């Protein structure tokens, strides 16, 4: 069963989603506010999103931050349907 960790920090104005416990080898900047953490074989391990409070479009992940407590860590389990 796969685990996804979601961390929200109002103080840092950030949202981090981690898809794997695999070690992070390097990172890649997609934009000034979105950084991918990658494994040695370039698998996406996590996504770091900054300045999420400025993201006004509800279709973007910024809308998700309003659904979670201001300082939190959530663990989701993915169960095959």
PDB file of N, CA and C in Angstrom:
ATOM      1  N   UNK A   1       0.837  -1.168   0.000  1.00  0.00           N
ATOM      2  CA  UNK A   1       0.000   0.000   0.000  1.00  0.00           C
ATOM      3  C   UNK A   1       0.894   1.248   0.000  1.00  0.00           C
ATOM      4  N   UNK A   2       0.609   2.164  -0.891  1.00  0.00           N
ATOM      5  CA  UNK A   2       1.381   3.395  -0.987  1.00  0.00           C
ATOM      6  C   UNK A   2       0.902   4.404   0.049  1.00  0.00           C
ATOM      7  N   UNK A   3       1.821   5.246   0.502  1.00  0.00           N
ATOM      8  CA  UNK A   3       1.512   6.290   1.482  1.00  0.00           C
ATOM      9  C   UNK A   3       1.841   7.642   0.865  1.00  0.00           C
ATOM     10  N   UNK A   4       0.974   8.627   1.083  1.00  0.00           N
ATOM     11  CA  UNK A   4       1.242   9.997   0.665  1.00  0.00           C
ATOM     12  C   UNK A   4       1.200  10.863   1.914  1.00  0.00           C
ATOM     13  N   UNK A   5       2.258  11.625   2.158  1.00  0.00           N
ATOM     14  CA  UNK A   5       2.297  12.583   3.257  1.00  0.00           C
ATOM     15  C   UNK A   5       2.052  13.974   2.710  1.00  0.00           C
ATOM     16  N   UNK A   6       1.165  14.721   3.366  1.00  0.00           N
ATOM     17  CA  UNK A   6       0.879  16.096   2.986  1.00  0.00           C
ATOM     18  C   UNK A   6       1.177  16.979   4.187  1.00  0.00           C
ATOM     19  N   UNK A   7       2.059  17.946   4.003  1.00  0.00           N
ATOM     20  CA  UNK A   7       2.394  18.883   5.073  1.00  0.00           C
ATOM     21  C   UNK A   7       2.015  20.294   4.642  1.00  0.00           C
ATOM     22  N   UNK A   8       1.287  20.986   5.510  1.00  0.00           N
ATOM     23  CA  UNK A   8       0.876  22.360   5.252  1.00  0.00           C
ATOM     24  C   UNK A   8       1.485  23.232   6.339  1.00  0.00           C
ATOM     25  N   UNK A   9       2.081  24.333   5.935  1.00  0.00           N
ATOM     26  CA  UNK A   9       2.630  25.285   6.894  1.00  0.00           C
ATOM     27  C   UNK A   9       2.175  26.693   6.537  1.00  0.00           C
ATOM     28  N   UNK A  10       1.304  27.246   7.381  1.00  0.00           N
ATOM     29  CA  UNK A  10       0.875  28.619   7.152  1.00  0.00           C
ATOM     30  C   UNK A  10       2.039  29.577   7.379  1.00  0.00           C
ATOM     31  N   UNK A  11       2.872  29.280   8.371  1.00  0.00           N
ATOM     32  CA  UNK A  11       4.019  30.141   8.666  1.00  0.00           C
ATOM     33  C   UNK A  11       4.976  30.234   7.482  1.00  0.00           C
ATOM     34  N   UNK A  12       5.207  29.110   6.815  1.00  0.00           N
ATOM     35  CA  UNK A  12       6.105  29.089   5.654  1.00  0.00           C
ATOM     36  C   UNK A  12       5.350  29.340   4.354  1.00  0.00           C
ATOM     37  N   UNK A  13       4.006  29.393   4.434  1.00  0.00           N
ATOM     38  CA  UNK A  13       3.150  29.576   3.262  1.00  0.00           C
ATOM     39  C   UNK A  13       3.468  28.515   2.211  1.00  0.00           C
ATOM     40  N   UNK A  14       3.509  27.252   2.694  1.00  0.00           N
ATOM     41  CA  UNK A  14       3.920  26.168   1.797  1.00  0.00           C
ATOM     42  C   UNK A  14       3.051  24.938   1.959  1.00  0.00           C
ATOM     43  N   UNK A  15       3.104  24.114   0.933  1.00  0.00           N
ATOM     44  CA  UNK A  15       2.435  22.819   0.913  1.00  0.00           C
ATOM     45  C   UNK A  15       3.444  21.833   0.336  1.00  0.00           C
ATOM     46  N   UNK A  16       3.677  20.722   1.054  1.00  0.00           N
ATOM     47  CA  UNK A  16       4.607  19.707   0.576  1.00  0.00           C
ATOM     48  C   UNK A  16       3.878  18.371   0.507  1.00  0.00           C
ATOM     49  N   UNK A  17       3.957  17.708  -0.630  1.00  0.00           N
ATOM     50  CA  UNK A  17       3.350  16.392  -0.809  1.00  0.00           C
ATOM     51  C   UNK A  17       4.476  15.409  -1.110  1.00  0.00           C
ATOM     52  N   UNK A  18       4.583  14.371  -0.269  1.00  0.00           N
ATOM     53  CA  UNK A  18       5.623  13.358  -0.454  1.00  0.00           C
ATOM     54  C   UNK A  18       4.955  12.053  -0.847  1.00  0.00           C
ATOM     55  N   UNK A  19       5.399  11.482  -1.960  1.00  0.00           N
ATOM     56  CA  UNK A  19       4.796  10.274  -2.518  1.00  0.00           C
ATOM     57  C   UNK A  19       5.519   8.995  -2.138  1.00  0.00           C
ATOM     58  N   UNK A  20       6.736   9.117  -1.620  1.00  0.00           N
ATOM     59  CA  UNK A  20       7.550   7.935  -1.347  1.00  0.00           C
ATOM     60  C   UNK A  20       8.534   8.233  -0.229  1.00  0.00           C
ATOM     61  N   UNK A  21       8.935   7.185   0.499  1.00  0.00           N
ATOM     62  CA  UNK A  21       9.971   7.332   1.522  1.00  0.00           C
ATOM     63  C   UNK A  21      11.362   7.116   0.940  1.00  0.00           C
ATOM     64  N   UNK A  22      11.435   6.920  -0.361  1.00  0.00           N
ATOM     65  CA  UNK A  22      12.720   6.744  -1.043  1.00  0.00           C
ATOM     66  C   UNK A  22      13.579   7.998  -0.817  1.00  0.00           C
ATOM     67  N   UNK A  23      14.898   7.852  -0.700  1.00  0.00           N
ATOM     68  CA  UNK A  23      15.762   9.016  -0.500  1.00  0.00           C
ATOM     69  C   UNK A  23      15.695  10.004  -1.669  1.00  0.00           C
ATOM     70  N   UNK A  24      15.772  11.273  -1.336  1.00  0.00           N
ATOM     71  CA  UNK A  24      15.793  12.325  -2.357  1.00  0.00           C
ATOM     72  C   UNK A  24      17.226  12.493  -2.847  1.00  0.00           C
ATOM     73  N   UNK A  25      17.422  12.378  -4.144  1.00  0.00           N
ATOM     74  CA  UNK A  25      18.746  12.511  -4.750  1.00  0.00           C
ATOM     75  C   UNK A  25      19.017  13.948  -5.184  1.00  0.00           C
ATOM     76  N   UNK A  26      18.009  14.577  -5.792  1.00  0.00           N
ATOM     77  CA  UNK A  26      18.174  15.935  -6.291  1.00  0.00           C
ATOM     78  C   UNK A  26      16.804  16.566  -6.504  1.00  0.00           C
ATOM     79  N   UNK A  27      16.791  17.852  -6.788  1.00  0.00           N
ATOM     80  CA  UNK A  27      15.544  18.581  -6.999  1.00  0.00           C
ATOM     81  C   UNK A  27      15.563  19.281  -8.351  1.00  0.00           C
ATOM     82  N   UNK A  28      14.354  19.570  -8.852  1.00  0.00           N
ATOM     83  CA  UNK A  28      14.220  20.258 -10.125  1.00  0.00           C
ATOM     84  C   UNK A  28      13.155  21.347  -9.966  1.00  0.00           C
ATOM     85  N   UNK A  29      13.502  22.580 -10.326  1.00  0.00           N
ATOM     86  CA  UNK A  29      12.570  23.687 -10.221  1.00  0.00           C
ATOM     87  C   UNK A  29      11.667  23.727 -11.456  1.00  0.00           C
ATOM     88  N   UNK A  30      10.366  23.564 -11.245  1.00  0.00           N
ATOM     89  CA  UNK A  30       9.416  23.681 -12.348  1.00  0.00           C
ATOM     90  C   UNK A  30       9.046  25.143 -12.579  1.00  0.00           C
ATOM     91  N   UNK A  31       8.965  25.887 -11.482  1.00  0.00           N
ATOM     92  CA  UNK A  31       8.692  27.321 -11.510  1.00  0.00           C
ATOM     93  C   UNK A  31       9.261  27.872 -10.208  1.00  0.00           C
ATOM     94  N   UNK A  32       9.286  29.191 -10.036  1.00  0.00           N
ATOM     95  CA  UNK A  32       9.832  29.723  -8.779  1.00  0.00           C
ATOM     96  C   UNK A  32       9.088  29.219  -7.542  1.00  0.00           C
ATOM     97  N   UNK A  33       7.837  28.792  -7.698  1.00  0.00           N
ATOM     98  CA  UNK A  33       7.042  28.342  -6.556  1.00  0.00           C
ATOM     99  C   UNK A  33       6.844  26.830  -6.466  1.00  0.00           C
ATOM    100  N   UNK A  34       7.325  26.077  -7.447  1.00  0.00           N
ATOM    101  CA  UNK A  34       7.112  24.624  -7.441  1.00  0.00           C
ATOM    102  C   UNK A  34       8.429  23.906  -7.718  1.00  0.00           C
ATOM    103  N   UNK A  35       8.806  23.053  -6.753  1.00  0.00           N
ATOM    104  CA  UNK A  35      10.055  22.293  -6.873  1.00  0.00           C
ATOM    105  C   UNK A  35       9.738  20.813  -6.704  1.00  0.00           C
ATOM    106  N   UNK A  36      10.247  19.994  -7.609  1.00  0.00           N
ATOM    107  CA  UNK A  36      10.098  18.547  -7.517  1.00  0.00           C
ATOM    108  C   UNK A  36      11.325  17.952  -6.845  1.00  0.00           C
ATOM    109  N   UNK A  37      11.110  17.056  -5.895  1.00  0.00           N
ATOM    110  CA  UNK A  37      12.198  16.276  -5.309  1.00  0.00           C
ATOM    111  C   UNK A  37      12.213  14.939  -6.031  1.00  0.00           C
ATOM    112  N   UNK A  38      13.393  14.532  -6.495  1.00  0.00           N
ATOM    113  CA  UNK A  38      13.526  13.341  -7.336  1.00  0.00           C
ATOM    114  C   UNK A  38      14.478  12.319  -6.725  1.00  0.00           C
ATOM    115  N   UNK A  39      14.241  11.055  -7.065  1.00  0.00           N
ATOM    116  CA  UNK A  39      15.145   9.978  -6.666  1.00  0.00           C
ATOM    117  C   UNK A  39      16.312   9.927  -7.653  1.00  0.00           C
ATOM    118  N   UNK A  40      17.237   9.028  -7.403  1.00  0.00           N
ATOM    119  CA  UNK A  40      18.394   8.881  -8.285  1.00  0.00           C
ATOM    120  C   UNK A  40      17.984   8.494  -9.709  1.00  0.00           C
ATOM    121  N   UNK A  41      16.835   7.785  -9.855  1.00  0.00           N
ATOM    122  CA  UNK A  41      16.376   7.403 -11.197  1.00  0.00           C
ATOM    123  C   UNK A  41      15.306   8.365 -11.739  1.00  0.00           C
ATOM    124  N   UNK A  42      15.246   9.578 -11.148  1.00  0.00           N
ATOM    125  CA  UNK A  42      14.346  10.660 -11.580  1.00  0.00           C
ATOM    126  C   UNK A  42      12.863  10.395 -11.344  1.00  0.00           C
ATOM    127  N   UNK A  43      12.548   9.506 -10.407  1.00  0.00           N
ATOM    128  CA  UNK A  43      11.162   9.317  -9.992  1.00  0.00           C
ATOM    129  C   UNK A  43      10.791  10.468  -9.063  1.00  0.00           C
ATOM    130  N   UNK A  44       9.587  11.022  -9.217  1.00  0.00           N
ATOM    131  CA  UNK A  44       9.151  12.112  -8.343  1.00  0.00           C
ATOM    132  C   UNK A  44       8.863  11.549  -6.950  1.00  0.00           C
ATOM    133  N   UNK A  45       9.578  12.080  -5.962  1.00  0.00           N
ATOM    134  CA  UNK A  45       9.432  11.672  -4.572  1.00  0.00           C
ATOM    135  C   UNK A  45       8.509  12.632  -3.834  1.00  0.00           C
ATOM    136  N   UNK A  46       8.603  13.921  -4.180  1.00  0.00           N
ATOM    137  CA  UNK A  46       7.779  14.926  -3.512  1.00  0.00           C
ATOM    138  C   UNK A  46       7.662  16.188  -4.331  1.00  0.00           C
ATOM    139  N   UNK A  47       6.667  17.001  -3.955  1.00  0.00           N
ATOM    140  CA  UNK A  47       6.432  18.286  -4.606  1.00  0.00           C
ATOM    141  C   UNK A  47       6.357  19.343  -3.517  1.00  0.00           C
ATOM    142  N   UNK A  48       7.191  20.361  -3.635  1.00  0.00           N
ATOM    143  CA  UNK A  48       7.229  21.472  -2.684  1.00  0.00           C
ATOM    144  C   UNK A  48       6.630  22.705  -3.365  1.00  0.00           C
ATOM    145  N   UNK A  49       5.544  23.222  -2.797  1.00  0.00           N
ATOM    146  CA  UNK A  49       4.862  24.384  -3.368  1.00  0.00           C
ATOM    147  C   UNK A  49       4.943  25.543  -2.383  1.00  0.00           C
ATOM    148  N   UNK A  50       5.444  26.671  -2.836  1.00  0.00           N
ATOM    149  CA  UNK A  50       5.628  27.851  -2.001  1.00  0.00           C
ATOM    150  C   UNK A  50       4.642  28.949  -2.372  1.00  0.00           C
ATOM    151  N   UNK A  51       4.406  29.870  -1.441  1.00  0.00           N
ATOM    152  CA  UNK A  51       3.516  31.027  -1.651  1.00  0.00           C
ATOM    153  C   UNK A  51       2.116  30.598  -2.061  1.00  0.00           C
ATOM    154  N   UNK A  52       1.618  29.508  -1.479  1.00  0.00           N
ATOM    155  CA  UNK A  52       0.326  28.964  -1.896  1.00  0.00           C
ATOM    156  C   UNK A  52      -0.851  29.873  -1.553  1.00  0.00           C
ATOM    157  N   UNK A  53      -0.702  30.736  -0.564  1.00  0.00           N
ATOM    158  CA  UNK A  53      -1.814  31.629  -0.222  1.00  0.00           C
ATOM    159  C   UNK A  53      -2.087  32.632  -1.338  1.00  0.00           C
ATOM    160  N   UNK A  54      -1.102  32.865  -2.194  1.00  0.00           N
ATOM    161  CA  UNK A  54      -1.261  33.811  -3.303  1.00  0.00           C
ATOM    162  C   UNK A  54      -1.945  33.165  -4.502  1.00  0.00           C
ATOM    163  N   UNK A  55      -2.103  31.849  -4.473  1.00  0.00           N
ATOM    164  CA  UNK A  55      -2.733  31.149  -5.593  1.00  0.00           C
ATOM    165  C   UNK A  55      -4.235  31.284  -5.446  1.00  0.00           C
ATOM    166  N   UNK A  56      -4.849  32.121  -6.221  1.00  0.00           N
ATOM    167  CA  UNK A  56      -6.274  32.419  -6.080  1.00  0.00           C
ATOM    168  C   UNK A  56      -7.177  31.480  -6.856  1.00  0.00           C
ATOM    169  N   UNK A  57      -6.674  30.853  -7.892  1.00  0.00           N
ATOM    170  CA  UNK A  57      -7.484  29.976  -8.731  1.00  0.00           C
ATOM    171  C   UNK A  57      -7.800  28.694  -7.962  1.00  0.00           C
ATOM    172  N   UNK A  58      -9.063  28.468  -7.647  1.00  0.00           N
ATOM    173  CA  UNK A  58      -9.470  27.306  -6.855  1.00  0.00           C
ATOM    174  C   UNK A  58      -9.177  25.972  -7.541  1.00  0.00           C
ATOM    175  N   UNK A  59      -8.933  25.974  -8.843  1.00  0.00           N
ATOM    176  CA  UNK A  59      -8.624  24.721  -9.532  1.00  0.00           C
ATOM    177  C   UNK A  59      -7.180  24.298  -9.302  1.00  0.00           C
ATOM    178  N   UNK A  60      -6.358  25.214  -8.766  1.00  0.00           N
ATOM    179  CA  UNK A  60      -4.968  24.875  -8.464  1.00  0.00           C
ATOM    180  C   UNK A  60      -4.888  24.359  -7.044  1.00  0.00           C
ATOM    181  N   UNK A  61      -3.762  23.812  -6.679  1.00  0.00           N
ATOM    182  CA  UNK A  61      -3.587  23.182  -5.369  1.00  0.00           C
ATOM    183  C   UNK A  61      -3.735  24.176  -4.221  1.00  0.00           C
ATOM    184  N   UNK A  62      -3.604  25.464  -4.473  1.00  0.00           N
ATOM    185  CA  UNK A  62      -3.784  26.460  -3.418  1.00  0.00           C
ATOM    186  C   UNK A  62      -5.139  26.353  -2.753  1.00  0.00           C
ATOM    187  N   UNK A  63      -6.162  25.961  -3.497  1.00  0.00           N
ATOM    188  CA  UNK A  63      -7.477  25.773  -2.914  1.00  0.00           C
ATOM    189  C   UNK A  63      -7.492  24.662  -1.886  1.00  0.00           C
ATOM    190  N   UNK A  64      -6.623  23.680  -2.042  1.00  0.00           N
ATOM    191  CA  UNK A  64      -6.551  22.572  -1.100  1.00  0.00           C
ATOM    192  C   UNK A  64      -6.093  23.054   0.262  1.00  0.00           C
ATOM    193  N   UNK A  65      -5.221  24.043   0.312  1.00  0.00           N
ATOM    194  CA  UNK A  65      -4.693  24.499   1.600  1.00  0.00           C
ATOM    195  C   UNK A  65      -5.786  25.071   2.484  1.00  0.00           C
ATOM    196  N   UNK A  66      -6.867  25.574   1.905  1.00  0.00           N
ATOM    197  CA  UNK A  66      -7.956  26.099   2.716  1.00  0.00           C
ATOM    198  C   UNK A  66      -8.795  24.978   3.324  1.00  0.00           C
ATOM    199  N   UNK A  67      -8.610  23.752   2.853  1.00  0.00           N
ATOM    200  CA  UNK A  67      -9.355  22.616   3.382  1.00  0.00           C
ATOM    201  C   UNK A  67      -8.637  21.942   4.544  1.00  0.00           C
ATOM    202  N   UNK A  68      -7.363  22.245   4.735  1.00  0.00           N
ATOM    203  CA  UNK A  68      -6.559  21.620   5.780  1.00  0.00           C
ATOM    204  C   UNK A  68      -6.259  22.624   6.890  1.00  0.00           C
ATOM    205  N   UNK A  69      -5.992  22.140   8.101  1.00  0.00           N
ATOM    206  CA  UNK A  69      -5.583  23.055   9.168  1.00  0.00           C
ATOM    207  C   UNK A  69      -4.342  23.843   8.754  1.00  0.00           C
ATOM    208  N   UNK A  70      -4.083  24.972   9.417  1.00  0.00           N
ATOM    209  CA  UNK A  70      -2.996  25.851   9.001  1.00  0.00           C
ATOM    210  C   UNK A  70      -1.608  25.254   9.241  1.00  0.00           C
ATOM    211  N   UNK A  71      -1.451  24.403  10.196  1.00  0.00           N
ATOM    212  CA  UNK A  71      -0.185  23.704  10.432  1.00  0.00           C
ATOM    213  C   UNK A  71      -0.549  22.240  10.606  1.00  0.00           C
ATOM    214  N   UNK A  72      -0.253  21.425   9.619  1.00  0.00           N
ATOM    215  CA  UNK A  72      -0.692  20.044   9.734  1.00  0.00           C
ATOM    216  C   UNK A  72       0.174  19.093   8.927  1.00  0.00           C
ATOM    217  N   UNK A  73       0.007  17.834   9.238  1.00  0.00           N
ATOM    218  CA  UNK A  73       0.605  16.761   8.455  1.00  0.00           C
ATOM    219  C   UNK A  73      -0.466  15.690   8.334  1.00  0.00           C
ATOM    220  N   UNK A  74      -0.757  15.304   7.126  1.00  0.00           N
ATOM    221  CA  UNK A  74      -1.803  14.329   6.863  1.00  0.00           C
ATOM    222  C   UNK A  74      -1.177  13.146   6.151  1.00  0.00           C
ATOM    223  N   UNK A  75      -1.554  11.960   6.554  1.00  0.00           N
ATOM    224  CA  UNK A  75      -1.064  10.759   5.871  1.00  0.00           C
ATOM    225  C   UNK A  75      -2.257  10.089   5.198  1.00  0.00           C
ATOM    226  N   UNK A  76      -2.164   9.936   3.896  1.00  0.00           N
ATOM    227  CA  UNK A  76      -3.213   9.291   3.105  1.00  0.00           C
ATOM    228  C   UNK A  76      -2.718   7.929   2.658  1.00  0.00           C
ATOM    229  N   UNK A  77      -3.562   6.938   2.734  1.00  0.00           N
ATOM    230  CA  UNK A  77      -3.206   5.614   2.213  1.00  0.00           C
ATOM    231  C   UNK A  77      -3.979   5.393   0.923  1.00  0.00           C
ATOM    232  N   UNK A  78      -3.269   4.995  -0.115  1.00  0.00           N
ATOM    233  CA  UNK A  78      -3.906   4.690  -1.386  1.00  0.00           C
ATOM    234  C   UNK A  78      -4.254   3.208  -1.429  1.00  0.00           C
ATOM    235  N   UNK A  79      -5.520   2.943  -1.574  1.00  0.00           N
ATOM    236  CA  UNK A  79      -5.988   1.564  -1.594  1.00  0.00           C
ATOM    237  C   UNK A  79      -6.550   1.266  -2.979  1.00  0.00           C
ATOM    238  N   UNK A  80      -6.058   0.211  -3.618  1.00  0.00           N
ATOM    239  CA  UNK A  80      -6.564  -0.121  -4.962  1.00  0.00           C
ATOM    240  C   UNK A  80      -8.078  -0.365  -4.917  1.00  0.00           C
ATOM    241  N   UNK A  81      -8.773   0.114  -5.939  1.00  0.00           N
ATOM    242  CA  UNK A  81     -10.227  -0.082  -5.960  1.00  0.00           C
ATOM    243  C   UNK A  81     -10.591  -1.388  -6.630  1.00  0.00           C
TER     244      UNK A  81
END
